[in-house]
Amino acid sequence: MKKLFLYVFLFLMFCNVSFAGCIEGNCNDGQGIYIYKDGSKYVGEWKDKEFHGQGTYTWADGSVAEGIWENSKLHEEPLMMKMKMAPTINKFIGLDFICYNTCKERNDEHFCLQRCSMQ
């Protein structure tokens, strides 16, 4: 009975381990998939360890931004935006988007992304 308890305990411990890092490809320069500790992930092209080129960023809440990235920021109007959060700050004039910045820590670096939502 003690062994069974030990096995169940160890199994549950390993199930709760969170992972952050490059899980596929080359997340320095090339094509890769990076998963963050909070559950968000980026799938796409990388240059100098930053989002650069075609890619999709998915936040932990399921919100998605897909488009052309340059230096970890959306460079052009997004190809697709699907947001699940209610944004509150910074209306752009002439567009039907509400945008706000969100910042994260990655590899001891601080970077910010702009998150947008259609009204």
N, C-alpha and C. Protein backbone atom coordinates (compact mmCIF):
# COMPACT_ATOMS: atom_id res chain seq x y z
N MET A 1 0.82 -1.19 0.00
CA MET A 1 0.00 0.00 0.00
C MET A 1 0.87 1.26 0.00
N LYS A 2 1.99 1.22 0.74
CA LYS A 2 2.88 2.38 0.79
C LYS A 2 3.51 2.64 -0.57
N LYS A 3 3.85 1.56 -1.28
CA LYS A 3 4.44 1.73 -2.61
C LYS A 3 3.44 2.35 -3.57
N LEU A 4 2.19 1.94 -3.48
CA LEU A 4 1.15 2.51 -4.35
C LEU A 4 1.01 4.00 -4.08
N PHE A 5 0.98 4.38 -2.82
CA PHE A 5 0.90 5.79 -2.46
C PHE A 5 2.09 6.57 -3.00
N LEU A 6 3.28 5.98 -2.88
CA LEU A 6 4.49 6.63 -3.39
C LEU A 6 4.41 6.83 -4.90
N TYR A 7 3.98 5.81 -5.64
CA TYR A 7 3.86 5.91 -7.10
C TYR A 7 2.84 6.97 -7.50
N VAL A 8 1.72 7.00 -6.83
CA VAL A 8 0.69 8.01 -7.13
C VAL A 8 1.22 9.40 -6.82
N PHE A 9 1.89 9.56 -5.71
CA PHE A 9 2.46 10.86 -5.34
C PHE A 9 3.47 11.33 -6.38
N LEU A 10 4.39 10.46 -6.78
CA LEU A 10 5.39 10.82 -7.78
C LEU A 10 4.74 11.15 -9.12
N PHE A 11 3.74 10.39 -9.51
CA PHE A 11 3.04 10.66 -10.77
C PHE A 11 2.41 12.05 -10.74
N LEU A 12 1.74 12.39 -9.65
CA LEU A 12 1.10 13.71 -9.54
C LEU A 12 2.12 14.83 -9.52
N MET A 13 3.26 14.59 -8.92
CA MET A 13 4.32 15.61 -8.89
C MET A 13 4.79 15.92 -10.31
N PHE A 14 5.00 14.89 -11.12
CA PHE A 14 5.49 15.10 -12.48
C PHE A 14 4.42 15.70 -13.38
N CYS A 15 3.16 15.49 -13.08
CA CYS A 15 2.09 16.06 -13.90
C CYS A 15 1.99 17.57 -13.74
N ASN A 16 2.40 18.11 -12.61
CA ASN A 16 2.28 19.54 -12.35
C ASN A 16 3.51 20.33 -12.75
N VAL A 17 4.48 19.71 -13.35
CA VAL A 17 5.70 20.41 -13.74
C VAL A 17 5.39 21.28 -14.94
N SER A 18 5.72 22.57 -14.83
CA SER A 18 5.54 23.46 -15.98
C SER A 18 6.86 23.57 -16.73
N PHE A 19 6.77 23.71 -18.03
CA PHE A 19 7.94 23.74 -18.88
C PHE A 19 7.96 25.04 -19.66
N ALA A 20 9.11 25.63 -19.79
CA ALA A 20 9.27 26.81 -20.63
C ALA A 20 10.52 26.60 -21.47
N GLY A 21 10.40 26.87 -22.74
CA GLY A 21 11.56 26.76 -23.60
C GLY A 21 11.18 26.39 -25.02
N CYS A 22 12.19 26.28 -25.82
CA CYS A 22 12.02 25.91 -27.22
C CYS A 22 11.76 24.41 -27.29
N ILE A 23 10.59 24.03 -27.76
CA ILE A 23 10.25 22.61 -27.78
C ILE A 23 10.45 21.98 -29.16
N GLU A 24 10.62 22.82 -30.18
CA GLU A 24 10.81 22.28 -31.52
C GLU A 24 11.50 23.30 -32.40
N GLY A 25 12.42 22.85 -33.22
CA GLY A 25 13.07 23.71 -34.19
C GLY A 25 14.17 24.58 -33.59
N ASN A 26 14.38 25.75 -34.20
CA ASN A 26 15.43 26.68 -33.81
C ASN A 26 14.81 28.00 -33.39
N CYS A 27 14.76 28.27 -32.09
CA CYS A 27 14.15 29.49 -31.57
C CYS A 27 15.17 30.62 -31.43
N ASN A 28 16.35 30.45 -31.99
CA ASN A 28 17.34 31.53 -32.04
C ASN A 28 17.30 32.19 -33.41
N ASP A 29 17.50 31.43 -34.44
CA ASP A 29 17.48 31.89 -35.82
C ASP A 29 16.90 30.79 -36.69
N GLY A 30 15.66 30.92 -37.07
CA GLY A 30 15.03 29.91 -37.91
C GLY A 30 13.56 29.76 -37.59
N GLN A 31 13.06 28.55 -37.74
CA GLN A 31 11.66 28.22 -37.50
C GLN A 31 11.58 27.43 -36.21
N GLY A 32 10.69 27.83 -35.28
CA GLY A 32 10.61 27.10 -34.03
C GLY A 32 9.35 27.36 -33.25
N ILE A 33 9.16 26.55 -32.21
CA ILE A 33 8.03 26.68 -31.30
C ILE A 33 8.58 26.89 -29.90
N TYR A 34 8.15 27.98 -29.24
CA TYR A 34 8.60 28.30 -27.88
C TYR A 34 7.37 28.35 -26.98
N ILE A 35 7.42 27.63 -25.86
CA ILE A 35 6.33 27.65 -24.90
C ILE A 35 6.83 28.33 -23.62
N TYR A 36 6.00 29.25 -23.09
CA TYR A 36 6.33 30.00 -21.88
C TYR A 36 5.70 29.34 -20.66
N LYS A 37 6.22 29.67 -19.48
CA LYS A 37 5.74 29.07 -18.23
C LYS A 37 4.26 29.34 -17.99
N ASP A 38 3.76 30.49 -18.47
CA ASP A 38 2.34 30.81 -18.25
C ASP A 38 1.41 30.09 -19.22
N GLY A 39 1.97 29.29 -20.14
CA GLY A 39 1.15 28.54 -21.08
C GLY A 39 1.02 29.18 -22.45
N SER A 40 1.50 30.40 -22.61
CA SER A 40 1.46 31.03 -23.93
C SER A 40 2.56 30.44 -24.81
N LYS A 41 2.41 30.59 -26.14
CA LYS A 41 3.43 30.04 -27.03
C LYS A 41 3.51 30.86 -28.31
N TYR A 42 4.68 30.78 -28.94
CA TYR A 42 4.91 31.40 -30.24
C TYR A 42 5.36 30.32 -31.20
N VAL A 43 4.71 30.27 -32.36
CA VAL A 43 5.06 29.33 -33.42
C VAL A 43 5.39 30.14 -34.65
N GLY A 44 6.62 30.07 -35.11
CA GLY A 44 6.96 30.83 -36.31
C GLY A 44 8.45 31.03 -36.48
N GLU A 45 8.76 32.11 -37.19
CA GLU A 45 10.14 32.42 -37.54
C GLU A 45 10.81 33.26 -36.46
N TRP A 46 12.11 33.01 -36.26
CA TRP A 46 12.91 33.68 -35.24
C TRP A 46 14.15 34.29 -35.88
N LYS A 47 14.60 35.41 -35.31
CA LYS A 47 15.87 36.01 -35.70
C LYS A 47 16.47 36.66 -34.46
N ASP A 48 17.69 36.30 -34.12
CA ASP A 48 18.35 36.82 -32.92
C ASP A 48 17.50 36.64 -31.67
N LYS A 49 16.87 35.48 -31.52
CA LYS A 49 16.05 35.12 -30.37
C LYS A 49 14.80 35.98 -30.22
N GLU A 50 14.34 36.60 -31.28
CA GLU A 50 13.12 37.41 -31.26
C GLU A 50 12.18 36.93 -32.35
N PHE A 51 10.86 37.17 -32.16
CA PHE A 51 9.89 36.85 -33.20
C PHE A 51 10.25 37.69 -34.41
N HIS A 52 10.44 37.08 -35.55
CA HIS A 52 10.83 37.84 -36.74
C HIS A 52 10.40 37.07 -37.98
N GLY A 53 9.39 37.56 -38.67
CA GLY A 53 8.85 36.89 -39.84
C GLY A 53 7.44 36.41 -39.55
N GLN A 54 6.97 35.47 -40.36
CA GLN A 54 5.61 34.93 -40.20
C GLN A 54 5.52 34.14 -38.90
N GLY A 55 4.47 34.42 -38.10
CA GLY A 55 4.33 33.67 -36.86
C GLY A 55 2.99 33.87 -36.19
N THR A 56 2.72 33.02 -35.21
CA THR A 56 1.47 33.07 -34.45
C THR A 56 1.81 33.03 -32.97
N TYR A 57 1.30 34.03 -32.22
CA TYR A 57 1.47 34.07 -30.77
C TYR A 57 0.13 33.73 -30.15
N THR A 58 0.11 32.74 -29.27
CA THR A 58 -1.12 32.33 -28.59
C THR A 58 -0.92 32.54 -27.09
N TRP A 59 -1.76 33.39 -26.48
CA TRP A 59 -1.69 33.64 -25.05
C TRP A 59 -2.33 32.48 -24.31
N ALA A 60 -2.05 32.37 -23.03
CA ALA A 60 -2.55 31.28 -22.20
C ALA A 60 -4.08 31.25 -22.15
N ASP A 61 -4.72 32.41 -22.32
CA ASP A 61 -6.19 32.46 -22.28
C ASP A 61 -6.83 32.07 -23.61
N GLY A 62 -6.01 31.74 -24.63
CA GLY A 62 -6.53 31.34 -25.92
C GLY A 62 -6.55 32.44 -26.96
N SER A 63 -6.22 33.66 -26.58
CA SER A 63 -6.15 34.77 -27.54
C SER A 63 -5.02 34.51 -28.52
N VAL A 64 -5.21 34.91 -29.78
CA VAL A 64 -4.25 34.60 -30.83
C VAL A 64 -3.96 35.84 -31.67
N ALA A 65 -2.69 36.04 -32.01
CA ALA A 65 -2.27 37.07 -32.96
C ALA A 65 -1.39 36.40 -34.00
N GLU A 66 -1.79 36.52 -35.26
CA GLU A 66 -1.02 35.92 -36.35
C GLU A 66 -0.68 37.00 -37.35
N GLY A 67 0.57 37.03 -37.79
CA GLY A 67 0.98 38.02 -38.77
C GLY A 67 2.47 38.02 -38.98
N ILE A 68 2.95 39.16 -39.51
CA ILE A 68 4.37 39.36 -39.75
C ILE A 68 4.95 40.08 -38.53
N TRP A 69 5.97 39.49 -37.92
CA TRP A 69 6.59 40.03 -36.72
C TRP A 69 7.96 40.59 -37.06
N GLU A 70 8.33 41.65 -36.37
CA GLU A 70 9.67 42.22 -36.51
C GLU A 70 10.14 42.65 -35.13
N ASN A 71 11.24 42.09 -34.68
CA ASN A 71 11.79 42.37 -33.35
C ASN A 71 10.74 42.16 -32.25
N SER A 72 10.04 41.04 -32.32
CA SER A 72 9.03 40.62 -31.34
C SER A 72 7.80 41.52 -31.29
N LYS A 73 7.55 42.29 -32.32
CA LYS A 73 6.34 43.12 -32.40
C LYS A 73 5.66 42.86 -33.73
N LEU A 74 4.33 42.94 -33.74
CA LEU A 74 3.62 42.81 -35.00
C LEU A 74 4.01 43.96 -35.90
N HIS A 75 4.55 43.64 -37.08
CA HIS A 75 5.08 44.64 -37.99
C HIS A 75 4.00 45.23 -38.88
N GLU A 76 3.11 44.39 -39.35
CA GLU A 76 2.05 44.82 -40.24
C GLU A 76 0.71 44.56 -39.57
N GLU A 77 -0.36 45.00 -40.23
CA GLU A 77 -1.69 44.71 -39.71
C GLU A 77 -1.82 43.19 -39.59
N PRO A 78 -2.31 42.71 -38.47
CA PRO A 78 -2.38 41.26 -38.24
C PRO A 78 -3.21 40.55 -39.30
N LEU A 79 -2.77 39.36 -39.68
CA LEU A 79 -3.55 38.54 -40.59
C LEU A 79 -4.79 38.00 -39.89
N MET A 80 -4.66 37.74 -38.59
CA MET A 80 -5.77 37.21 -37.82
C MET A 80 -5.59 37.59 -36.36
N MET A 81 -6.66 38.08 -35.74
CA MET A 81 -6.65 38.38 -34.31
C MET A 81 -7.88 37.72 -33.70
N LYS A 82 -7.68 36.99 -32.63
CA LYS A 82 -8.79 36.41 -31.89
C LYS A 82 -8.49 36.61 -30.42
N MET A 83 -9.22 37.51 -29.80
CA MET A 83 -8.94 37.86 -28.41
C MET A 83 -10.08 37.39 -27.51
N LYS A 84 -9.72 36.91 -26.34
CA LYS A 84 -10.71 36.49 -25.37
C LYS A 84 -10.81 37.45 -24.19
N MET A 85 -9.89 38.40 -24.10
CA MET A 85 -9.91 39.35 -22.99
C MET A 85 -10.61 40.63 -23.41
N ALA A 86 -11.14 41.35 -22.47
CA ALA A 86 -11.79 42.63 -22.75
C ALA A 86 -10.76 43.74 -22.63
N PRO A 87 -10.22 44.24 -23.75
CA PRO A 87 -9.22 45.29 -23.70
C PRO A 87 -9.83 46.63 -23.28
N THR A 88 -8.99 47.50 -22.70
CA THR A 88 -9.53 48.73 -22.14
C THR A 88 -8.79 50.00 -22.54
N ILE A 89 -7.60 49.91 -23.10
CA ILE A 89 -6.77 51.09 -23.28
C ILE A 89 -6.44 51.33 -24.75
N ASN A 90 -6.22 52.59 -25.14
CA ASN A 90 -5.65 53.01 -26.43
C ASN A 90 -6.48 52.66 -27.66
N LYS A 91 -7.43 53.47 -27.99
CA LYS A 91 -8.15 53.29 -29.25
C LYS A 91 -7.36 53.92 -30.38
N PHE A 92 -7.20 53.21 -31.48
CA PHE A 92 -6.59 53.78 -32.67
C PHE A 92 -7.67 54.50 -33.48
N ILE A 93 -7.34 55.67 -33.97
CA ILE A 93 -8.29 56.44 -34.77
C ILE A 93 -8.38 55.83 -36.16
N GLY A 94 -9.60 55.65 -36.66
CA GLY A 94 -9.81 55.14 -38.00
C GLY A 94 -9.82 53.63 -38.12
N LEU A 95 -9.49 52.93 -37.07
CA LEU A 95 -9.52 51.48 -37.09
C LEU A 95 -10.51 50.98 -36.06
N ASP A 96 -11.00 49.80 -36.25
CA ASP A 96 -11.94 49.21 -35.31
C ASP A 96 -11.24 48.27 -34.34
N PHE A 97 -10.06 48.66 -33.91
CA PHE A 97 -9.29 47.87 -32.95
C PHE A 97 -9.12 48.65 -31.65
N ILE A 98 -9.11 47.94 -30.55
CA ILE A 98 -8.67 48.50 -29.28
C ILE A 98 -7.38 47.77 -28.96
N CYS A 99 -6.32 48.51 -28.68
CA CYS A 99 -5.01 47.89 -28.45
C CYS A 99 -4.44 48.30 -27.10
N TYR A 100 -3.67 47.44 -26.52
CA TYR A 100 -2.94 47.74 -25.29
C TYR A 100 -1.69 46.89 -25.25
N ASN A 101 -0.74 47.33 -24.47
CA ASN A 101 0.54 46.63 -24.37
C ASN A 101 0.51 45.64 -23.22
N THR A 102 1.19 44.53 -23.43
CA THR A 102 1.38 43.56 -22.37
C THR A 102 2.87 43.21 -22.35
N CYS A 103 3.43 43.11 -21.18
CA CYS A 103 4.87 42.87 -21.05
C CYS A 103 5.11 41.53 -20.36
N LYS A 104 6.20 40.88 -20.74
CA LYS A 104 6.57 39.59 -20.16
C LYS A 104 8.07 39.54 -19.95
N GLU A 105 8.49 38.62 -19.11
CA GLU A 105 9.90 38.32 -18.91
C GLU A 105 10.22 37.07 -19.71
N ARG A 106 11.33 37.09 -20.44
CA ARG A 106 11.75 35.92 -21.20
C ARG A 106 13.26 35.86 -21.17
N ASN A 107 13.77 34.76 -20.66
CA ASN A 107 15.23 34.56 -20.60
C ASN A 107 15.93 35.77 -19.98
N ASP A 108 15.44 36.22 -18.86
CA ASP A 108 16.00 37.38 -18.14
C ASP A 108 15.93 38.66 -18.96
N GLU A 109 15.06 38.73 -19.96
CA GLU A 109 14.87 39.94 -20.75
C GLU A 109 13.41 40.36 -20.61
N HIS A 110 13.19 41.65 -20.64
CA HIS A 110 11.84 42.20 -20.54
C HIS A 110 11.41 42.65 -21.92
N PHE A 111 10.27 42.18 -22.40
CA PHE A 111 9.79 42.62 -23.70
C PHE A 111 8.29 42.83 -23.65
N CYS A 112 7.81 43.69 -24.51
CA CYS A 112 6.39 44.03 -24.55
C CYS A 112 5.82 43.72 -25.92
N LEU A 113 4.59 43.28 -25.93
CA LEU A 113 3.85 43.04 -27.16
C LEU A 113 2.59 43.89 -27.12
N GLN A 114 2.13 44.27 -28.29
CA GLN A 114 0.87 44.99 -28.34
C GLN A 114 -0.23 43.99 -28.65
N ARG A 115 -1.25 43.99 -27.82
CA ARG A 115 -2.39 43.10 -28.02
C ARG A 115 -3.55 43.94 -28.51
N CYS A 116 -4.24 43.47 -29.54
CA CYS A 116 -5.34 44.22 -30.14
C CYS A 116 -6.59 43.35 -30.21
N SER A 117 -7.72 44.02 -30.20
CA SER A 117 -8.98 43.32 -30.30
C SER A 117 -9.92 44.13 -31.18
N MET A 118 -10.68 43.44 -32.01
CA MET A 118 -11.68 44.12 -32.82
C MET A 118 -12.87 44.47 -31.95
N GLN A 119 -13.47 45.63 -32.21
CA GLN A 119 -14.65 46.03 -31.45
C GLN A 119 -15.88 45.36 -32.00
